[in-house]
Amino acid sequence: MFTGKEGVGKSCLVNSLLGKPFNEDEPSTSGIEVLTTIAFGCNEWKEATEDIDDCERTKQILESTVECKVAEKLKQTNRQTEALEQAASTSTVSYYTSRM
């Protein structure tokens, strides 16, 4: 749900999240606009073009959450591996430098 003052760009933000191109001439939304979206993965959103039952939507949300958590865990592991590799190479250089 997006709320805010008129003309601040809520519709443009939603369109951007849905992967739609920026429209400089986006008309002002009059009143309330209801748009159903579905999250795919961690950062991909699509507009729902058909009615989706609650079970299917819950399944998609859970799958998306699991994907995001796995992706974050892999990123964290990668950062830790890089830090360990950097520390190991630094200590090796220090060892050889101190021996000279």
PDB file of N, CA and C in Angstrom:
ATOM      1  N   MET A   1       0.851  -1.160   0.000  1.00  0.00           N
ATOM      2  CA  MET A   1       0.000   0.000   0.000  1.00  0.00           C
ATOM      3  C   MET A   1       0.905   1.233   0.000  1.00  0.00           C
ATOM      4  N   PHE A   2       0.610   2.134  -0.904  1.00  0.00           N
ATOM      5  CA  PHE A   2       1.341   3.397  -0.962  1.00  0.00           C
ATOM      6  C   PHE A   2       0.380   4.526  -0.648  1.00  0.00           C
ATOM      7  N   THR A   3       0.790   5.384   0.262  1.00  0.00           N
ATOM      8  CA  THR A   3      -0.012   6.564   0.579  1.00  0.00           C
ATOM      9  C   THR A   3       0.902   7.772   0.552  1.00  0.00           C
ATOM     10  N   GLY A   4       0.323   8.926   0.308  1.00  0.00           N
ATOM     11  CA  GLY A   4       1.111  10.151   0.308  1.00  0.00           C
ATOM     12  C   GLY A   4       0.348  11.280  -0.348  1.00  0.00           C
ATOM     13  N   LYS A   5       0.957  12.432  -0.316  1.00  0.00           N
ATOM     14  CA  LYS A   5       0.339  13.609  -0.891  1.00  0.00           C
ATOM     15  C   LYS A   5       0.232  13.490  -2.404  1.00  0.00           C
ATOM     16  N   GLU A   6      -0.649  14.290  -2.954  1.00  0.00           N
ATOM     17  CA  GLU A   6      -0.874  14.315  -4.395  1.00  0.00           C
ATOM     18  C   GLU A   6       0.375  14.769  -5.140  1.00  0.00           C
ATOM     19  N   GLY A   7       0.685  14.079  -6.227  1.00  0.00           N
ATOM     20  CA  GLY A   7       1.754  14.515  -7.110  1.00  0.00           C
ATOM     21  C   GLY A   7       3.169  14.183  -6.664  1.00  0.00           C
ATOM     22  N   VAL A   8       3.328  13.301  -5.684  1.00  0.00           N
ATOM     23  CA  VAL A   8       4.682  12.988  -5.205  1.00  0.00           C
ATOM     24  C   VAL A   8       5.323  11.806  -5.932  1.00  0.00           C
ATOM     25  N   GLY A   9       4.528  11.072  -6.752  1.00  0.00           N
ATOM     26  CA  GLY A   9       5.118  10.002  -7.549  1.00  0.00           C
ATOM     27  C   GLY A   9       4.773   8.590  -7.134  1.00  0.00           C
ATOM     28  N   LYS A  10       3.680   8.412  -6.404  1.00  0.00           N
ATOM     29  CA  LYS A  10       3.310   7.054  -5.975  1.00  0.00           C
ATOM     30  C   LYS A  10       3.025   6.152  -7.171  1.00  0.00           C
ATOM     31  N   SER A  11       2.255   6.636  -8.116  1.00  0.00           N
ATOM     32  CA  SER A  11       1.935   5.826  -9.310  1.00  0.00           C
ATOM     33  C   SER A  11       3.192   5.524 -10.108  1.00  0.00           C
ATOM     34  N   CYS A  12       4.067   6.495 -10.241  1.00  0.00           N
ATOM     35  CA  CYS A  12       5.325   6.276 -10.975  1.00  0.00           C
ATOM     36  C   CYS A  12       6.191   5.240 -10.266  1.00  0.00           C
ATOM     37  N   LEU A  13       6.208   5.265  -8.937  1.00  0.00           N
ATOM     38  CA  LEU A  13       6.972   4.274  -8.178  1.00  0.00           C
ATOM     39  C   LEU A  13       6.415   2.875  -8.399  1.00  0.00           C
ATOM     40  N   VAL A  14       5.098   2.739  -8.316  1.00  0.00           N
ATOM     41  CA  VAL A  14       4.467   1.433  -8.549  1.00  0.00           C
ATOM     42  C   VAL A  14       4.782   0.952  -9.957  1.00  0.00           C
ATOM     43  N   ASN A  15       4.662   1.831 -10.940  1.00  0.00           N
ATOM     44  CA  ASN A  15       4.973   1.449 -12.323  1.00  0.00           C
ATOM     45  C   ASN A  15       6.427   1.009 -12.454  1.00  0.00           C
ATOM     46  N   SER A  16       7.315   1.698 -11.772  1.00  0.00           N
ATOM     47  CA  SER A  16       8.730   1.337 -11.816  1.00  0.00           C
ATOM     48  C   SER A  16       8.960  -0.043 -11.207  1.00  0.00           C
ATOM     49  N   LEU A  17       8.321  -0.323 -10.087  1.00  0.00           N
ATOM     50  CA  LEU A  17       8.445  -1.633  -9.451  1.00  0.00           C
ATOM     51  C   LEU A  17       7.922  -2.746 -10.356  1.00  0.00           C
ATOM     52  N   LEU A  18       6.936  -2.406 -11.187  1.00  0.00           N
ATOM     53  CA  LEU A  18       6.375  -3.384 -12.112  1.00  0.00           C
ATOM     54  C   LEU A  18       7.165  -3.476 -13.407  1.00  0.00           C
ATOM     55  N   GLY A  19       8.254  -2.714 -13.495  1.00  0.00           N
ATOM     56  CA  GLY A  19       9.101  -2.775 -14.677  1.00  0.00           C
ATOM     57  C   GLY A  19       8.589  -1.972 -15.854  1.00  0.00           C
ATOM     58  N   LYS A  20       7.629  -1.106 -15.608  1.00  0.00           N
ATOM     59  CA  LYS A  20       7.085  -0.277 -16.687  1.00  0.00           C
ATOM     60  C   LYS A  20       7.976   0.948 -16.875  1.00  0.00           C
ATOM     61  N   PRO A  21       8.086   1.443 -18.089  1.00  0.00           N
ATOM     62  CA  PRO A  21       8.923   2.622 -18.338  1.00  0.00           C
ATOM     63  C   PRO A  21       8.335   3.868 -17.678  1.00  0.00           C
ATOM     64  N   PHE A  22       9.220   4.813 -17.355  1.00  0.00           N
ATOM     65  CA  PHE A  22       8.797   6.068 -16.740  1.00  0.00           C
ATOM     66  C   PHE A  22       7.978   6.876 -17.740  1.00  0.00           C
ATOM     67  N   ASN A  23       6.855   7.391 -17.286  1.00  0.00           N
ATOM     68  CA  ASN A  23       5.994   8.226 -18.115  1.00  0.00           C
ATOM     69  C   ASN A  23       5.952   9.619 -17.504  1.00  0.00           C
ATOM     70  N   GLU A  24       6.653  10.536 -18.125  1.00  0.00           N
ATOM     71  CA  GLU A  24       6.718  11.905 -17.608  1.00  0.00           C
ATOM     72  C   GLU A  24       5.335  12.559 -17.585  1.00  0.00           C
ATOM     73  N   ASP A  25       4.444  12.078 -18.434  1.00  0.00           N
ATOM     74  CA  ASP A  25       3.093  12.647 -18.530  1.00  0.00           C
ATOM     75  C   ASP A  25       2.056  11.794 -17.799  1.00  0.00           C
ATOM     76  N   GLU A  26       2.481  11.061 -16.786  1.00  0.00           N
ATOM     77  CA  GLU A  26       1.573  10.200 -16.012  1.00  0.00           C
ATOM     78  C   GLU A  26       0.435  11.063 -15.455  1.00  0.00           C
ATOM     79  N   PRO A  27      -0.803  10.704 -15.767  1.00  0.00           N
ATOM     80  CA  PRO A  27      -1.915  11.506 -15.239  1.00  0.00           C
ATOM     81  C   PRO A  27      -2.052  11.319 -13.732  1.00  0.00           C
ATOM     82  N   SER A  28      -2.536  12.329 -13.079  1.00  0.00           N
ATOM     83  CA  SER A  28      -2.746  12.260 -11.643  1.00  0.00           C
ATOM     84  C   SER A  28      -3.840  11.244 -11.341  1.00  0.00           C
ATOM     85  N   THR A  29      -3.607  10.401 -10.345  1.00  0.00           N
ATOM     86  CA  THR A  29      -4.598   9.407  -9.956  1.00  0.00           C
ATOM     87  C   THR A  29      -5.685  10.099  -9.161  1.00  0.00           C
ATOM     88  N   SER A  30      -6.902   9.880  -9.564  1.00  0.00           N
ATOM     89  CA  SER A  30      -8.032  10.507  -8.882  1.00  0.00           C
ATOM     90  C   SER A  30      -8.565   9.545  -7.829  1.00  0.00           C
ATOM     91  N   GLY A  31      -8.452   9.918  -6.577  1.00  0.00           N
ATOM     92  CA  GLY A  31      -8.969   9.078  -5.502  1.00  0.00           C
ATOM     93  C   GLY A  31      -8.082   7.890  -5.216  1.00  0.00           C
ATOM     94  N   ILE A  32      -8.658   6.706  -5.199  1.00  0.00           N
ATOM     95  CA  ILE A  32      -7.939   5.492  -4.832  1.00  0.00           C
ATOM     96  C   ILE A  32      -7.824   4.591  -6.057  1.00  0.00           C
ATOM     97  N   GLU A  33      -6.661   4.017  -6.248  1.00  0.00           N
ATOM     98  CA  GLU A  33      -6.462   3.035  -7.304  1.00  0.00           C
ATOM     99  C   GLU A  33      -6.042   1.736  -6.651  1.00  0.00           C
ATOM    100  N   VAL A  34      -6.744   0.686  -6.970  1.00  0.00           N
ATOM    101  CA  VAL A  34      -6.430  -0.629  -6.423  1.00  0.00           C
ATOM    102  C   VAL A  34      -5.771  -1.444  -7.521  1.00  0.00           C
ATOM    103  N   LEU A  35      -4.610  -1.957  -7.206  1.00  0.00           N
ATOM    104  CA  LEU A  35      -3.838  -2.741  -8.163  1.00  0.00           C
ATOM    105  C   LEU A  35      -3.290  -3.949  -7.428  1.00  0.00           C
ATOM    106  N   THR A  36      -3.568  -5.130  -7.919  1.00  0.00           N
ATOM    107  CA  THR A  36      -3.075  -6.350  -7.294  1.00  0.00           C
ATOM    108  C   THR A  36      -1.783  -6.755  -7.983  1.00  0.00           C
ATOM    109  N   THR A  37      -0.753  -6.986  -7.178  1.00  0.00           N
ATOM    110  CA  THR A  37       0.544  -7.388  -7.717  1.00  0.00           C
ATOM    111  C   THR A  37       0.986  -8.691  -7.073  1.00  0.00           C
ATOM    112  N   ILE A  38       1.922  -9.345  -7.739  1.00  0.00           N
ATOM    113  CA  ILE A  38       2.478 -10.592  -7.232  1.00  0.00           C
ATOM    114  C   ILE A  38       3.987 -10.456  -7.243  1.00  0.00           C
ATOM    115  N   ALA A  39       4.626 -10.864  -6.161  1.00  0.00           N
ATOM    116  CA  ALA A  39       6.085 -10.835  -6.086  1.00  0.00           C
ATOM    117  C   ALA A  39       6.630 -12.145  -6.609  1.00  0.00           C
ATOM    118  N   PHE A  40       7.636 -12.037  -7.483  1.00  0.00           N
ATOM    119  CA  PHE A  40       8.346 -13.199  -7.993  1.00  0.00           C
ATOM    120  C   PHE A  40       9.794 -13.028  -7.597  1.00  0.00           C
ATOM    121  N   GLY A  41      10.308 -13.912  -6.762  1.00  0.00           N
ATOM    122  CA  GLY A  41      11.681 -13.752  -6.311  1.00  0.00           C
ATOM    123  C   GLY A  41      11.791 -12.594  -5.335  1.00  0.00           C
ATOM    124  N   CYS A  42      12.998 -12.049  -5.251  1.00  0.00           N
ATOM    125  CA  CYS A  42      13.268 -11.000  -4.266  1.00  0.00           C
ATOM    126  C   CYS A  42      12.889  -9.601  -4.747  1.00  0.00           C
ATOM    127  N   ASN A  43      12.970  -9.366  -6.027  1.00  0.00           N
ATOM    128  CA  ASN A  43      12.752  -7.990  -6.468  1.00  0.00           C
ATOM    129  C   ASN A  43      12.047  -7.890  -7.810  1.00  0.00           C
ATOM    130  N   GLU A  44      11.236  -8.848  -8.137  1.00  0.00           N
ATOM    131  CA  GLU A  44      10.484  -8.787  -9.377  1.00  0.00           C
ATOM    132  C   GLU A  44       9.002  -8.799  -9.043  1.00  0.00           C
ATOM    133  N   TRP A  45       8.284  -7.772  -9.500  1.00  0.00           N
ATOM    134  CA  TRP A  45       6.859  -7.636  -9.242  1.00  0.00           C
ATOM    135  C   TRP A  45       6.119  -7.614 -10.563  1.00  0.00           C
ATOM    136  N   LYS A  46       4.956  -8.232 -10.586  1.00  0.00           N
ATOM    137  CA  LYS A  46       4.121  -8.215 -11.782  1.00  0.00           C
ATOM    138  C   LYS A  46       2.689  -7.927 -11.382  1.00  0.00           C
ATOM    139  N   GLU A  47       1.996  -7.263 -12.284  1.00  0.00           N
ATOM    140  CA  GLU A  47       0.593  -6.967 -12.057  1.00  0.00           C
ATOM    141  C   GLU A  47      -0.208  -8.240 -12.277  1.00  0.00           C
ATOM    142  N   ALA A  48      -1.122  -8.517 -11.346  1.00  0.00           N
ATOM    143  CA  ALA A  48      -1.972  -9.695 -11.480  1.00  0.00           C
ATOM    144  C   ALA A  48      -3.001  -9.413 -12.567  1.00  0.00           C
ATOM    145  N   THR A  49      -3.017 -10.252 -13.587  1.00  0.00           N
ATOM    146  CA  THR A  49      -3.936 -10.027 -14.695  1.00  0.00           C
ATOM    147  C   THR A  49      -5.207 -10.847 -14.557  1.00  0.00           C
ATOM    148  N   GLU A  50      -5.241 -11.688 -13.566  1.00  0.00           N
ATOM    149  CA  GLU A  50      -6.424 -12.508 -13.331  1.00  0.00           C
ATOM    150  C   GLU A  50      -6.581 -12.696 -11.831  1.00  0.00           C
ATOM    151  N   ASP A  51      -7.760 -13.092 -11.444  1.00  0.00           N
ATOM    152  CA  ASP A  51      -7.992 -13.342 -10.029  1.00  0.00           C
ATOM    153  C   ASP A  51      -7.185 -14.555  -9.586  1.00  0.00           C
ATOM    154  N   ILE A  52      -6.568 -14.426  -8.436  1.00  0.00           N
ATOM    155  CA  ILE A  52      -5.770 -15.512  -7.880  1.00  0.00           C
ATOM    156  C   ILE A  52      -6.374 -15.850  -6.526  1.00  0.00           C
ATOM    157  N   ASP A  53      -6.604 -17.115  -6.299  1.00  0.00           N
ATOM    158  CA  ASP A  53      -7.192 -17.477  -5.020  1.00  0.00           C
ATOM    159  C   ASP A  53      -6.179 -17.319  -3.889  1.00  0.00           C
ATOM    160  N   ASP A  54      -6.677 -17.258  -2.692  1.00  0.00           N
ATOM    161  CA  ASP A  54      -5.826 -17.020  -1.526  1.00  0.00           C
ATOM    162  C   ASP A  54      -4.769 -18.093  -1.334  1.00  0.00           C
ATOM    163  N   CYS A  55      -5.094 -19.350  -1.636  1.00  0.00           N
ATOM    164  CA  CYS A  55      -4.121 -20.436  -1.476  1.00  0.00           C
ATOM    165  C   CYS A  55      -2.953 -20.247  -2.434  1.00  0.00           C
ATOM    166  N   GLU A  56      -3.246 -19.921  -3.684  1.00  0.00           N
ATOM    167  CA  GLU A  56      -2.188 -19.718  -4.675  1.00  0.00           C
ATOM    168  C   GLU A  56      -1.325 -18.521  -4.295  1.00  0.00           C
ATOM    169  N   ARG A  57      -1.963 -17.448  -3.846  1.00  0.00           N
ATOM    170  CA  ARG A  57      -1.216 -16.260  -3.435  1.00  0.00           C
ATOM    171  C   ARG A  57      -0.319 -16.568  -2.238  1.00  0.00           C
ATOM    172  N   THR A  58      -0.822 -17.305  -1.266  1.00  0.00           N
ATOM    173  CA  THR A  58      -0.024 -17.676  -0.097  1.00  0.00           C
ATOM    174  C   THR A  58       1.169 -18.531  -0.521  1.00  0.00           C
ATOM    175  N   LYS A  59       0.938 -19.468  -1.432  1.00  0.00           N
ATOM    176  CA  LYS A  59       2.016 -20.311  -1.937  1.00  0.00           C
ATOM    177  C   LYS A  59       3.095 -19.453  -2.604  1.00  0.00           C
ATOM    178  N   GLN A  60       2.692 -18.496  -3.420  1.00  0.00           N
ATOM    179  CA  GLN A  60       3.653 -17.627  -4.106  1.00  0.00           C
ATOM    180  C   GLN A  60       4.439 -16.780  -3.110  1.00  0.00           C
ATOM    181  N   ILE A  61       3.764 -16.269  -2.095  1.00  0.00           N
ATOM    182  CA  ILE A  61       4.439 -15.462  -1.078  1.00  0.00           C
ATOM    183  C   ILE A  61       5.479 -16.300  -0.340  1.00  0.00           C
ATOM    184  N   LEU A  62       5.099 -17.513   0.053  1.00  0.00           N
ATOM    185  CA  LEU A  62       6.035 -18.388   0.768  1.00  0.00           C
ATOM    186  C   LEU A  62       7.236 -18.751  -0.107  1.00  0.00           C
ATOM    187  N   GLU A  63       6.982 -19.082  -1.373  1.00  0.00           N
ATOM    188  CA  GLU A  63       8.085 -19.409  -2.278  1.00  0.00           C
ATOM    189  C   GLU A  63       9.009 -18.222  -2.458  1.00  0.00           C
ATOM    190  N   SER A  64       8.431 -17.044  -2.593  1.00  0.00           N
ATOM    191  CA  SER A  64       9.226 -15.827  -2.765  1.00  0.00           C
ATOM    192  C   SER A  64      10.074 -15.554  -1.521  1.00  0.00           C
ATOM    193  N   THR A  65       9.486 -15.759  -0.352  1.00  0.00           N
ATOM    194  CA  THR A  65      10.209 -15.538   0.903  1.00  0.00           C
ATOM    195  C   THR A  65      11.377 -16.500   1.024  1.00  0.00           C
ATOM    196  N   VAL A  66      11.152 -17.757   0.691  1.00  0.00           N
ATOM    197  CA  VAL A  66      12.221 -18.755   0.762  1.00  0.00           C
ATOM    198  C   VAL A  66      13.336 -18.380  -0.207  1.00  0.00           C
ATOM    199  N   GLU A  67      12.972 -17.992  -1.440  1.00  0.00           N
ATOM    200  CA  GLU A  67      13.982 -17.599  -2.426  1.00  0.00           C
ATOM    201  C   GLU A  67      14.815 -16.431  -1.916  1.00  0.00           C
ATOM    202  N   CYS A  68      14.170 -15.445  -1.318  1.00  0.00           N
ATOM    203  CA  CYS A  68      14.887 -14.279  -0.801  1.00  0.00           C
ATOM    204  C   CYS A  68      15.841 -14.664   0.323  1.00  0.00           C
ATOM    205  N   LYS A  69      15.380 -15.538   1.214  1.00  0.00           N
ATOM    206  CA  LYS A  69      16.230 -15.945   2.332  1.00  0.00           C
ATOM    207  C   LYS A  69      17.432 -16.752   1.849  1.00  0.00           C
ATOM    208  N   VAL A  70      17.225 -17.626   0.878  1.00  0.00           N
ATOM    209  CA  VAL A  70      18.332 -18.406   0.326  1.00  0.00           C
ATOM    210  C   VAL A  70      19.325 -17.483  -0.367  1.00  0.00           C
ATOM    211  N   ALA A  71      18.812 -16.531  -1.151  1.00  0.00           N
ATOM    212  CA  ALA A  71      19.695 -15.587  -1.845  1.00  0.00           C
ATOM    213  C   ALA A  71      20.510 -14.770  -0.842  1.00  0.00           C
ATOM    214  N   GLU A  72      19.881 -14.307   0.228  1.00  0.00           N
ATOM    215  CA  GLU A  72      20.600 -13.514   1.232  1.00  0.00           C
ATOM    216  C   GLU A  72      21.651 -14.367   1.935  1.00  0.00           C
ATOM    217  N   LYS A  73      21.319 -15.613   2.237  1.00  0.00           N
ATOM    218  CA  LYS A  73      22.276 -16.514   2.887  1.00  0.00           C
ATOM    219  C   LYS A  73      23.478 -16.767   1.981  1.00  0.00           C
ATOM    220  N   LEU A  74      23.231 -16.950   0.677  1.00  0.00           N
ATOM    221  CA  LEU A  74      24.333 -17.148  -0.264  1.00  0.00           C
ATOM    222  C   LEU A  74      25.217 -15.906  -0.360  1.00  0.00           C
ATOM    223  N   LYS A  75      24.597 -14.730  -0.362  1.00  0.00           N
ATOM    224  CA  LYS A  75      25.377 -13.484  -0.392  1.00  0.00           C
ATOM    225  C   LYS A  75      26.237 -13.365   0.862  1.00  0.00           C
ATOM    226  N   GLN A  76      25.638 -13.690   2.012  1.00  0.00           N
ATOM    227  CA  GLN A  76      26.358 -13.606   3.281  1.00  0.00           C
ATOM    228  C   GLN A  76      27.541 -14.583   3.291  1.00  0.00           C
ATOM    229  N   THR A  77      27.310 -15.799   2.814  1.00  0.00           N
ATOM    230  CA  THR A  77      28.374 -16.798   2.753  1.00  0.00           C
ATOM    231  C   THR A  77      29.486 -16.332   1.819  1.00  0.00           C
ATOM    232  N   ASN A  78      29.100 -15.744   0.689  1.00  0.00           N
ATOM    233  CA  ASN A  78      30.082 -15.244  -0.274  1.00  0.00           C
ATOM    234  C   ASN A  78      30.928 -14.132   0.351  1.00  0.00           C
ATOM    235  N   ARG A  79      30.285 -13.223   1.084  1.00  0.00           N
ATOM    236  CA  ARG A  79      31.024 -12.135   1.746  1.00  0.00           C
ATOM    237  C   ARG A  79      31.997 -12.691   2.781  1.00  0.00           C
ATOM    238  N   GLN A  80      31.559 -13.697   3.533  1.00  0.00           N
ATOM    239  CA  GLN A  80      32.425 -14.311   4.542  1.00  0.00           C
ATOM    240  C   GLN A  80      33.611 -15.007   3.886  1.00  0.00           C
ATOM    241  N   THR A  81      33.362 -15.706   2.788  1.00  0.00           N
ATOM    242  CA  THR A  81      34.436 -16.393   2.067  1.00  0.00           C
ATOM    243  C   THR A  81      35.449 -15.392   1.543  1.00  0.00           C
ATOM    244  N   GLU A  82      34.956 -14.298   0.953  1.00  0.00           N
ATOM    245  CA  GLU A  82      35.863 -13.261   0.440  1.00  0.00           C
ATOM    246  C   GLU A  82      36.692 -12.647   1.559  1.00  0.00           C
ATOM    247  N   ALA A  83      36.067 -12.404   2.719  1.00  0.00           N
ATOM    248  CA  ALA A  83      36.792 -11.827   3.851  1.00  0.00           C
ATOM    249  C   ALA A  83      37.867 -12.790   4.344  1.00  0.00           C
ATOM    250  N   LEU A  84      37.549 -14.072   4.413  1.00  0.00           N
ATOM    251  CA  LEU A  84      38.530 -15.067   4.855  1.00  0.00           C
ATOM    252  C   LEU A  84      39.683 -15.177   3.860  1.00  0.00           C
ATOM    253  N   GLU A  85      39.357 -15.162   2.569  1.00  0.00           N
ATOM    254  CA  GLU A  85      40.405 -15.227   1.546  1.00  0.00           C
ATOM    255  C   GLU A  85      41.311 -13.999   1.613  1.00  0.00           C
ATOM    256  N   GLN A  86      40.708 -12.847   1.832  1.00  0.00           N
ATOM    257  CA  GLN A  86      41.497 -11.619   1.926  1.00  0.00           C
ATOM    258  C   GLN A  86      42.383 -11.652   3.175  1.00  0.00           C
ATOM    259  N   ALA A  87      41.829 -12.118   4.289  1.00  0.00           N
ATOM    260  CA  ALA A  87      42.609 -12.206   5.520  1.00  0.00           C
ATOM    261  C   ALA A  87      43.760 -13.191   5.356  1.00  0.00           C
ATOM    262  N   ALA A  88      43.502 -14.303   4.681  1.00  0.00           N
ATOM    263  CA  ALA A  88      44.547 -15.297   4.476  1.00  0.00           C
ATOM    264  C   ALA A  88      45.656 -14.745   3.587  1.00  0.00           C
ATOM    265  N   SER A  89      45.294 -14.019   2.535  1.00  0.00           N
ATOM    266  CA  SER A  89      46.333 -13.477   1.653  1.00  0.00           C
ATOM    267  C   SER A  89      47.112 -12.373   2.353  1.00  0.00           C
ATOM    268  N   THR A  90      46.445 -11.589   3.196  1.00  0.00           N
ATOM    269  CA  THR A  90      47.130 -10.531   3.943  1.00  0.00           C
ATOM    270  C   THR A  90      48.101 -11.129   4.945  1.00  0.00           C
ATOM    271  N   SER A  91      47.685 -12.193   5.643  1.00  0.00           N
ATOM    272  CA  SER A  91      48.580 -12.796   6.636  1.00  0.00           C
ATOM    273  C   SER A  91      49.764 -13.474   5.956  1.00  0.00           C
ATOM    274  N   THR A  92      49.562 -14.037   4.779  1.00  0.00           N
ATOM    275  CA  THR A  92      50.659 -14.657   4.036  1.00  0.00           C
ATOM    276  C   THR A  92      51.681 -13.607   3.630  1.00  0.00           C
ATOM    277  N   VAL A  93      51.195 -12.460   3.136  1.00  0.00           N
ATOM    278  CA  VAL A  93      52.091 -11.361   2.748  1.00  0.00           C
ATOM    279  C   VAL A  93      52.833 -10.846   3.969  1.00  0.00           C
ATOM    280  N   SER A  94      52.130 -10.702   5.098  1.00  0.00           N
ATOM    281  CA  SER A  94      52.784 -10.224   6.325  1.00  0.00           C
ATOM    282  C   SER A  94      53.853 -11.196   6.784  1.00  0.00           C
ATOM    283  N   TYR A  95      53.585 -12.503   6.688  1.00  0.00           N
ATOM    284  CA  TYR A  95      54.530 -13.510   7.116  1.00  0.00           C
ATOM    285  C   TYR A  95      55.812 -13.421   6.286  1.00  0.00           C
ATOM    286  N   TYR A  96      55.663 -13.354   4.975  1.00  0.00           N
ATOM    287  CA  TYR A  96      56.836 -13.296   4.106  1.00  0.00           C
ATOM    288  C   TYR A  96      57.584 -11.974   4.250  1.00  0.00           C
ATOM    289  N   THR A  97      56.863 -10.897   4.492  1.00  0.00           N
ATOM    290  CA  THR A  97      57.493  -9.592   4.644  1.00  0.00           C
ATOM    291  C   THR A  97      58.317  -9.555   5.937  1.00  0.00           C
ATOM    292  N   SER A  98      57.779 -10.146   7.005  1.00  0.00           N
ATOM    293  CA  SER A  98      58.475 -10.119   8.287  1.00  0.00           C
ATOM    294  C   SER A  98      59.709 -11.055   8.267  1.00  0.00           C
ATOM    295  N   ARG A  99      59.741 -12.033   7.407  1.00  0.00           N
ATOM    296  CA  ARG A  99      60.853 -12.980   7.319  1.00  0.00           C
ATOM    297  C   ARG A  99      62.031 -12.402   6.532  1.00  0.00           C
ATOM    298  N   MET A 100      61.769 -11.340   5.769  1.00  0.00           N
ATOM    299  CA  MET A 100      62.844 -10.793   4.930  1.00  0.00           C
ATOM    300  C   MET A 100      63.752  -9.903   5.685  1.00  0.00           C
TER     301      MET A 100
END
